[in-house]
């Protein structure tokens, strides 16, 4: 072996060591702080792969206009959720839905799930507990967790979907038609496993209020509506600016509607800790950027990768981390390196695989909080939730070979 070949082998070995070390550190630290984990992972990866260009890569990635705009977006989203929760607007929405018991058990966790706040599962858990009277407690846990997160699959003003499509180099809306089918499938399989059978009629308290229904609904839905309109008809210098305008409009509307509750709004903004979400976004974009700048992509192009292995890796990382954005920040750059591009169809299946792992792990705070609230042990929840999740994972793997979407 020539000196050049030896040097090349050592270089590749060094890069693989750096990559795996970065992933290990990222996974370990992400349980405490995802932003710190992403920054640490990026630094380790950069030191092993591009030590001479690491500083310039960091400066460039952290000052990109799209990165700054995305950080602001994901900081504003939880503030909107906090305002709706603190001012009672979300309670008003649920109280005035006036739907049947099974639909209520599906929609109340789902609507609360649109509010990305720490401990949010504890807001919907009492509603499920009350509406699900007579159901086994482990089934109530499954209902709260499963239906709380299904809208994550299609809601475009979700930091999970925004970050994942960015990592996959896709337009935010192109995978949604495929994700919509997976969303409907998730509703159906969740219904079959958790809600099928006779049930009593749900009784609502107080008189129906159209304002109580439409006001919070308008705040929630105006952002994706404006986002779609702007991206369709307006060309902006930074494409993420449309989403920023949309989210900011939703926030301003929430403040205007609740202007007489200024102390609650201030408290909601502080409790949401938007700076944590912005820091997390900078860390994620830095990790993705350093990955792109490094030579790791060349290593993956020479590996026998498949979409099945990527999907299973996403599911595993979703289970290990109890998050969606951490696996997305890993598997989509790997997919781009291995295959050059990711179709919206394949993105949807991989994202769904991450989502399924995320629904099963005890590391996921929503699961651990709901289990504690309902006084259920983890094994009971896993026995209840694993069958539909594993069936869904198997079907996702089959759809890679036999696409019907």
Protein backbone atom coordinates (compact mmCIF):
# COMPACT_ATOMS: atom_id res chain seq x y z
CA UNK A 1 0.00 0.00 0.00
CA UNK A 2 1.37 3.38 -1.02
CA UNK A 3 1.78 6.25 1.44
CA UNK A 4 -1.09 8.08 -0.24
CA UNK A 5 -3.46 5.12 0.22
CA UNK A 6 -2.41 4.72 3.84
CA UNK A 7 -3.03 8.42 4.45
CA UNK A 8 -6.43 8.17 2.73
CA UNK A 9 -7.45 5.17 4.86
CA UNK A 10 -6.35 6.96 8.04
CA UNK A 11 -8.22 10.10 7.00
CA UNK A 12 -11.45 8.17 6.39
CA UNK A 13 -11.03 6.29 9.67
CA UNK A 14 -10.55 9.60 11.48
CA UNK A 15 -13.71 10.99 9.85
CA UNK A 16 -15.77 7.92 10.80
CA UNK A 17 -14.53 8.18 14.38
CA UNK A 18 -15.47 11.85 14.44
CA UNK A 19 -18.93 11.15 13.03
CA UNK A 20 -19.81 8.38 15.47
CA UNK A 21 -18.34 10.29 18.41
CA UNK A 22 -20.42 13.33 17.43
CA UNK A 23 -23.60 11.22 17.23
CA UNK A 24 -22.92 9.59 20.61
CA UNK A 25 -22.37 12.99 22.26
CA UNK A 26 -25.44 14.40 20.52
CA UNK A 27 -27.66 11.54 21.71
CA UNK A 28 -26.36 11.72 25.28
CA UNK A 29 -26.63 15.49 25.66
CA UNK A 30 -29.97 15.79 23.84
CA UNK A 31 -31.74 14.36 26.88
CA UNK A 32 -30.69 17.47 28.81
CA UNK A 33 -30.54 20.24 26.22
CA UNK A 34 -30.97 19.71 22.48
CA UNK A 35 -29.35 23.01 21.54
CA UNK A 36 -26.20 22.25 23.53
CA UNK A 37 -26.18 18.71 22.10
CA UNK A 38 -26.31 19.97 18.52
CA UNK A 39 -23.58 22.56 19.09
CA UNK A 40 -21.35 19.94 20.76
CA UNK A 41 -21.99 17.42 17.98
CA UNK A 42 -21.18 20.01 15.31
CA UNK A 43 -17.93 21.03 17.03
CA UNK A 44 -16.75 17.42 17.43
CA UNK A 45 -17.65 16.54 13.85
CA UNK A 46 -15.91 19.67 12.57
CA UNK A 47 -12.75 19.11 14.59
CA UNK A 48 -12.36 15.62 13.11
CA UNK A 49 -13.30 16.51 9.51
CA UNK A 50 -12.68 20.20 8.74
CA UNK A 51 -10.46 21.54 11.55
CA UNK A 52 -8.91 24.19 9.28
CA UNK A 53 -12.31 25.46 8.08
CA UNK A 54 -14.41 24.91 11.20
CA UNK A 55 -14.41 28.51 12.44
CA UNK A 56 -15.41 29.93 9.04
CA UNK A 57 -18.10 27.25 8.70
CA UNK A 58 -19.54 28.15 12.12
CA UNK A 59 -19.62 31.87 11.33
CA UNK A 60 -21.20 31.31 7.92
CA UNK A 61 -23.86 28.87 9.14
CA UNK A 62 -24.88 30.94 12.18
CA UNK A 63 -25.19 34.16 10.18
CA UNK A 64 -27.16 32.76 7.25
CA UNK A 65 -30.41 34.77 6.90
CA UNK A 66 -32.49 31.57 6.63
CA UNK A 67 -31.02 30.25 9.88
CA UNK A 68 -31.77 33.48 11.75
CA UNK A 69 -35.33 33.60 10.39
CA UNK A 70 -35.95 29.96 11.30
CA UNK A 71 -34.66 30.58 14.84
CA UNK A 72 -37.12 33.45 15.25
CA UNK A 73 -39.97 31.30 13.88
CA UNK A 74 -39.45 28.40 16.28
CA UNK A 75 -39.10 30.89 19.15
CA UNK A 76 -42.47 32.51 18.40
CA UNK A 77 -44.49 29.30 17.98
CA UNK A 78 -44.44 28.22 21.68
CA UNK A 79 -45.32 31.77 22.74
CA UNK A 80 -48.56 31.53 20.74
CA UNK A 81 -49.34 28.23 22.45
CA UNK A 82 -48.58 29.68 25.84
CA UNK A 83 -50.92 32.62 25.31
CA UNK A 84 -53.77 30.36 24.20
CA UNK A 85 -53.26 28.20 27.25
CA UNK A 86 -52.78 30.93 29.88
CA UNK A 87 -55.74 33.01 28.69
CA UNK A 88 -58.11 30.03 28.53
CA UNK A 89 -58.66 30.27 24.77
CA UNK A 90 -57.78 26.61 24.23
CA UNK A 91 -60.20 25.52 26.96
CA UNK A 92 -62.85 27.63 25.27
CA UNK A 93 -62.19 25.98 21.92
CA UNK A 94 -62.51 22.48 23.34
CA UNK A 95 -65.60 23.37 25.37
CA UNK A 96 -67.39 24.67 22.28
CA UNK A 97 -66.51 21.93 19.82
CA UNK A 98 -69.72 20.11 20.78
CA UNK A 99 -68.71 16.82 19.22
CA UNK A 100 -69.23 13.21 20.29
CA UNK A 101 -67.18 11.44 22.93
CA UNK A 102 -64.88 9.55 20.56
CA UNK A 103 -64.22 12.59 18.41
CA UNK A 104 -63.55 14.61 21.56
CA UNK A 105 -61.02 12.01 22.76
CA UNK A 106 -59.28 12.31 19.38
CA UNK A 107 -59.44 16.07 18.89
CA UNK A 108 -58.84 17.43 22.38
CA UNK A 109 -55.30 15.94 22.68
CA UNK A 110 -54.62 16.80 19.02
CA UNK A 111 -55.55 20.46 19.40
CA UNK A 112 -53.63 20.78 22.66
CA UNK A 113 -50.72 19.10 20.86
CA UNK A 114 -50.49 22.11 18.57
CA UNK A 115 -49.16 24.04 21.54
CA UNK A 116 -45.48 23.03 21.79
CA UNK A 117 -44.95 23.68 25.47
CA UNK A 118 -43.13 21.68 28.16
CA UNK A 119 -45.56 19.43 30.00
CA UNK A 120 -48.30 20.05 27.45
CA UNK A 121 -49.53 16.48 27.82
CA UNK A 122 -50.73 17.34 31.31
CA UNK A 123 -53.16 19.86 29.82
CA UNK A 124 -55.00 17.31 27.70
CA UNK A 125 -54.64 14.39 30.16
CA UNK A 126 -57.39 15.65 32.54
CA UNK A 127 -59.73 16.09 29.56
CA UNK A 128 -59.06 12.53 28.40
CA UNK A 129 -59.44 11.29 31.98
CA UNK A 130 -62.85 12.94 32.29
CA UNK A 131 -64.18 12.12 28.81
CA UNK A 132 -62.79 8.57 28.90
CA UNK A 133 -64.58 7.56 32.07
CA UNK A 134 -64.98 3.77 32.08
CA UNK A 135 -61.96 3.13 29.81
CA UNK A 136 -58.90 1.27 31.14
CA UNK A 137 -56.26 3.70 32.37
CA UNK A 138 -53.55 2.40 30.04
CA UNK A 139 -55.89 2.98 27.10
CA UNK A 140 -56.41 6.59 28.26
CA UNK A 141 -52.65 7.07 28.27
CA UNK A 142 -52.43 5.71 24.73
CA UNK A 143 -55.28 7.97 23.57
CA UNK A 144 -53.65 11.05 25.07
CA UNK A 145 -50.22 10.31 23.61
CA UNK A 146 -51.26 8.97 20.20
CA UNK A 147 -53.82 11.60 19.27
CA UNK A 148 -51.88 14.43 20.89
CA UNK A 149 -49.16 14.01 18.27
CA UNK A 150 -50.90 12.95 15.03
CA UNK A 151 -51.30 16.55 13.83
CA UNK A 152 -47.50 16.84 13.94
CA UNK A 153 -47.57 14.89 10.69
CA UNK A 154 -49.34 17.60 8.69
CA UNK A 155 -49.46 20.90 10.62
CA UNK A 156 -47.08 23.15 8.63
CA UNK A 157 -46.49 25.62 11.47
CA UNK A 158 -44.76 22.93 13.52
CA UNK A 159 -41.10 23.27 14.39
CA UNK A 160 -40.66 19.50 13.87
CA UNK A 161 -41.90 19.61 10.28
CA UNK A 162 -40.20 22.93 9.50
CA UNK A 163 -36.82 21.67 10.71
CA UNK A 164 -37.19 18.23 9.11
CA UNK A 165 -38.05 19.55 5.65
CA UNK A 166 -35.18 22.03 5.93
CA UNK A 167 -32.80 19.18 6.80
CA UNK A 168 -34.09 17.21 3.79
CA UNK A 169 -33.75 20.24 1.49
CA UNK A 170 -37.47 20.16 0.65
CA UNK A 171 -40.16 22.79 0.42
CA UNK A 172 -42.27 22.70 3.58
CA UNK A 173 -45.48 21.85 1.74
CA UNK A 174 -44.37 19.29 -0.87
CA UNK A 175 -44.51 16.24 1.48
CA UNK A 176 -47.86 17.21 3.04
CA UNK A 177 -50.10 15.37 0.50
CA UNK A 178 -48.25 12.14 1.33
CA UNK A 179 -48.19 12.92 5.05
CA UNK A 180 -51.93 13.59 4.90
CA UNK A 181 -52.54 9.98 3.90
CA UNK A 182 -50.30 8.77 6.73
CA UNK A 183 -52.15 11.13 9.06
CA UNK A 184 -55.54 9.66 8.08
CA UNK A 185 -54.10 6.16 8.46
CA UNK A 186 -52.81 7.07 11.94
CA UNK A 187 -56.25 8.33 12.95
CA UNK A 188 -57.89 5.14 11.71
CA UNK A 189 -55.48 2.72 13.33
CA UNK A 190 -55.56 4.74 16.55
CA UNK A 191 -59.35 4.59 16.50
CA UNK A 192 -59.37 0.82 15.85
CA UNK A 193 -56.97 0.05 18.68
CA UNK A 194 -58.05 2.62 21.27
CA UNK A 195 -61.60 3.85 20.65
CA UNK A 196 -63.55 1.15 18.85
CA UNK A 197 -66.73 -0.03 20.58
CA UNK A 198 -69.80 1.56 22.17
CA UNK A 199 -69.47 4.68 24.29
CA UNK A 200 -71.63 7.01 26.35
CA UNK A 201 -72.67 10.46 25.16
CA UNK A 202 -70.39 13.27 26.27
CA UNK A 203 -72.00 16.09 28.24
CA UNK A 204 -70.75 19.66 27.90
CA UNK A 205 -71.02 22.33 30.56
CA UNK A 206 -72.58 25.74 29.84
CA UNK A 207 -74.11 27.20 26.70
CA UNK A 208 -72.49 27.01 23.27
CA UNK A 209 -70.43 30.09 22.26
CA UNK A 210 -69.64 30.63 18.59
CA UNK A 211 -67.06 33.26 19.55
CA UNK A 212 -65.45 30.82 21.99
CA UNK A 213 -65.09 28.34 19.13
CA UNK A 214 -63.99 30.60 16.26
CA UNK A 215 -61.66 33.01 18.08
CA UNK A 216 -58.98 30.50 19.16
CA UNK A 217 -59.51 28.48 15.97
CA UNK A 218 -58.75 31.59 13.90
CA UNK A 219 -55.53 32.21 15.86
CA UNK A 220 -54.39 28.63 15.21
CA UNK A 221 -55.30 28.47 11.53
CA UNK A 222 -54.40 31.94 10.27
CA UNK A 223 -50.65 31.17 10.29
CA UNK A 224 -50.68 28.22 7.85
CA UNK A 225 -53.23 30.06 5.67
CA UNK A 226 -51.04 33.19 5.35
CA UNK A 227 -47.94 31.04 4.89
CA UNK A 228 -49.48 29.19 1.94
CA UNK A 229 -50.75 32.41 0.32
CA UNK A 230 -47.41 34.20 0.61
CA UNK A 231 -45.40 31.26 -0.69
CA UNK A 232 -47.78 30.87 -3.61
CA UNK A 233 -48.10 34.48 -4.74
CA UNK A 234 -45.16 36.45 -3.29
CA UNK A 235 -41.45 36.06 -3.99
CA UNK A 236 -39.49 36.98 -0.87
CA UNK A 237 -35.68 37.32 -0.63
CA UNK A 238 -35.58 34.67 2.11
CA UNK A 239 -38.12 31.92 1.50
CA UNK A 240 -38.59 31.29 5.24
CA UNK A 241 -39.74 34.91 5.61
CA UNK A 242 -43.26 33.87 4.56
CA UNK A 243 -43.49 31.52 7.53
CA UNK A 244 -42.12 34.22 9.84
CA UNK A 245 -44.77 36.71 8.68
CA UNK A 246 -47.47 34.06 9.10
CA UNK A 247 -46.40 33.06 12.62
CA UNK A 248 -45.93 36.69 13.66
CA UNK A 249 -49.45 37.47 12.41
CA UNK A 250 -50.85 34.66 14.52
CA UNK A 251 -48.96 35.95 17.57
CA UNK A 252 -50.11 39.56 17.03
CA UNK A 253 -53.71 38.37 16.61
CA UNK A 254 -53.50 36.43 19.87
CA UNK A 255 -52.16 39.51 21.66
CA UNK A 256 -54.86 41.79 20.17
CA UNK A 257 -57.65 39.37 21.07
CA UNK A 258 -56.36 39.09 24.63
CA UNK A 259 -55.14 42.70 25.05
CA UNK A 260 -57.07 43.06 28.32
CA UNK A 261 -55.06 40.16 29.79
CA UNK A 262 -51.58 41.70 29.51
CA UNK A 263 -50.19 40.08 32.70
CA UNK A 264 -51.21 36.63 31.44
CA UNK A 265 -49.61 37.30 28.07
CA UNK A 266 -46.32 38.36 29.68
CA UNK A 267 -46.39 35.29 31.91
CA UNK A 268 -47.10 33.04 28.93
CA UNK A 269 -44.19 34.51 26.96
CA UNK A 270 -41.78 33.96 29.86
CA UNK A 271 -43.01 30.42 30.62
CA UNK A 272 -42.66 29.42 26.95
CA UNK A 273 -38.88 30.15 27.13
CA UNK A 274 -38.65 31.09 23.43
CA UNK A 275 -34.88 31.66 23.73
CA UNK A 276 -34.42 27.91 24.29
CA UNK A 277 -36.16 27.12 21.02
CA UNK A 278 -34.12 29.72 19.12
CA UNK A 279 -30.88 28.35 20.57
CA UNK A 280 -31.98 24.82 19.60
CA UNK A 281 -32.61 25.97 16.02
CA UNK A 282 -29.16 27.57 15.72
CA UNK A 283 -27.60 24.34 17.02
CA UNK A 284 -29.52 22.15 14.59
CA UNK A 285 -28.68 24.31 11.58
CA UNK A 286 -25.02 24.42 12.64
CA UNK A 287 -24.85 20.62 12.89
CA UNK A 288 -26.50 20.21 9.49
CA UNK A 289 -24.20 22.85 8.01
CA UNK A 290 -21.00 21.31 9.38
CA UNK A 291 -22.19 17.91 8.15
CA UNK A 292 -22.59 19.37 4.66
CA UNK A 293 -19.18 21.10 4.80
CA UNK A 294 -17.36 17.97 6.01
CA UNK A 295 -16.27 14.98 3.94
CA UNK A 296 -18.78 12.67 5.65
CA UNK A 297 -21.14 12.84 2.69
CA UNK A 298 -18.50 11.16 0.51
CA UNK A 299 -18.18 8.32 3.01
CA UNK A 300 -21.91 7.61 2.95
CA UNK A 301 -22.05 7.62 -0.84
CA UNK A 302 -19.77 4.58 -0.80
CA UNK A 303 -21.83 2.67 1.79
CA UNK A 304 -24.57 0.13 0.97
CA UNK A 305 -27.38 2.35 2.26
CA UNK A 306 -31.08 1.74 1.57
CA UNK A 307 -34.26 3.62 2.35
CA UNK A 308 -35.30 0.72 4.58
CA UNK A 309 -32.17 1.12 6.70
CA UNK A 310 -32.68 4.90 6.84
CA UNK A 311 -36.31 4.45 7.95
CA UNK A 312 -35.36 1.93 10.64
CA UNK A 313 -32.53 4.21 11.79
CA UNK A 314 -35.05 7.05 12.07
CA UNK A 315 -37.43 4.86 14.09
CA UNK A 316 -34.58 3.75 16.38
CA UNK A 317 -33.33 7.30 16.93
CA UNK A 318 -36.89 8.49 17.57
CA UNK A 319 -37.17 5.82 20.27
CA UNK A 320 -33.70 6.49 21.72
CA UNK A 321 -33.98 10.29 21.85
CA UNK A 322 -37.70 10.82 22.46
CA UNK A 323 -37.60 13.60 19.89
CA UNK A 324 -38.30 14.22 16.22
CA UNK A 325 -35.83 16.97 15.38
CA UNK A 326 -32.75 15.14 16.68
CA UNK A 327 -33.25 12.09 14.43
CA UNK A 328 -34.27 14.37 11.55
CA UNK A 329 -31.03 16.32 11.91
CA UNK A 330 -29.13 13.03 11.55
CA UNK A 331 -31.02 10.83 9.09
CA UNK A 332 -31.93 13.40 6.43
CA UNK A 333 -28.37 14.67 5.91
CA UNK A 334 -27.28 11.02 5.73
CA UNK A 335 -30.02 10.35 3.16
CA UNK A 336 -28.93 13.31 1.05
CA UNK A 337 -25.34 12.09 1.18
CA UNK A 338 -26.26 8.52 0.24
CA UNK A 339 -28.88 9.21 -2.45
CA UNK A 340 -28.26 12.77 -3.59
CA UNK A 341 -31.84 13.85 -2.93
CA UNK A 342 -34.96 12.77 -1.07
CA UNK A 343 -38.34 12.64 -2.76
CA UNK A 344 -41.33 14.02 -0.83
CA UNK A 345 -42.71 10.47 -0.77
CA UNK A 346 -39.61 8.95 0.82
CA UNK A 347 -39.32 11.89 3.19
CA UNK A 348 -42.86 11.21 4.39
CA UNK A 349 -42.15 7.55 5.13
CA UNK A 350 -38.89 8.30 6.96
CA UNK A 351 -40.50 11.12 8.93
CA UNK A 352 -43.35 8.77 9.83
CA UNK A 353 -40.81 6.19 11.02
CA UNK A 354 -39.20 8.77 13.32
CA UNK A 355 -42.67 9.75 14.54
CA UNK A 356 -43.54 6.13 15.45
CA UNK A 357 -40.38 5.64 17.50
CA UNK A 358 -41.12 8.94 19.22
CA UNK A 359 -44.57 7.65 20.24
CA UNK A 360 -43.23 4.56 22.02
CA UNK A 361 -40.25 5.70 24.06
CA UNK A 362 -40.40 6.44 27.80
CA UNK A 363 -37.80 9.14 27.12
CA UNK A 364 -40.60 11.15 25.51
CA UNK A 365 -41.83 13.52 28.28
CA UNK A 366 -45.47 13.37 27.14
CA UNK A 367 -45.47 9.63 27.76
CA UNK A 368 -43.80 9.74 31.15
CA UNK A 369 -46.01 12.64 32.31
CA UNK A 370 -49.24 10.98 31.17
CA UNK A 371 -48.25 7.67 32.74
CA UNK A 372 -47.61 9.44 36.03
CA UNK A 373 -50.90 11.35 35.82
CA UNK A 374 -52.96 8.25 35.04
CA UNK A 375 -51.04 6.08 37.55
CA UNK A 376 -50.16 3.50 34.90
CA UNK A 377 -46.92 1.53 34.63
CA UNK A 378 -44.78 1.81 31.51
CA UNK A 379 -45.20 -1.85 30.50
CA UNK A 380 -48.97 -1.45 30.30
CA UNK A 381 -48.62 1.55 28.03
CA UNK A 382 -46.09 -0.21 25.76
CA UNK A 383 -48.37 -3.25 25.48
CA UNK A 384 -51.22 -0.95 24.49
CA UNK A 385 -49.35 1.35 22.07
CA UNK A 386 -46.81 -1.02 20.50
CA UNK A 387 -49.18 -3.05 18.25
CA UNK A 388 -50.49 -0.11 16.17
CA UNK A 389 -47.00 1.47 16.07
CA UNK A 390 -45.27 -1.72 14.91
CA UNK A 391 -48.00 -2.41 12.33
CA UNK A 392 -47.59 1.14 11.05
CA UNK A 393 -43.81 0.72 10.86
CA UNK A 394 -44.17 -2.55 8.92
CA UNK A 395 -46.59 -0.94 6.47
CA UNK A 396 -44.19 1.99 6.00
CA UNK A 397 -41.39 -0.43 5.10
CA UNK A 398 -43.67 -2.20 2.63
CA UNK A 399 -44.66 1.10 1.02
CA UNK A 400 -41.02 1.69 0.06
CA UNK A 401 -41.29 -1.30 -2.31
CA UNK A 402 -44.98 -1.12 -3.15
CA UNK A 403 -45.86 2.57 -3.26
CA UNK A 404 -49.57 3.31 -3.23
CA UNK A 405 -49.29 6.99 -2.27
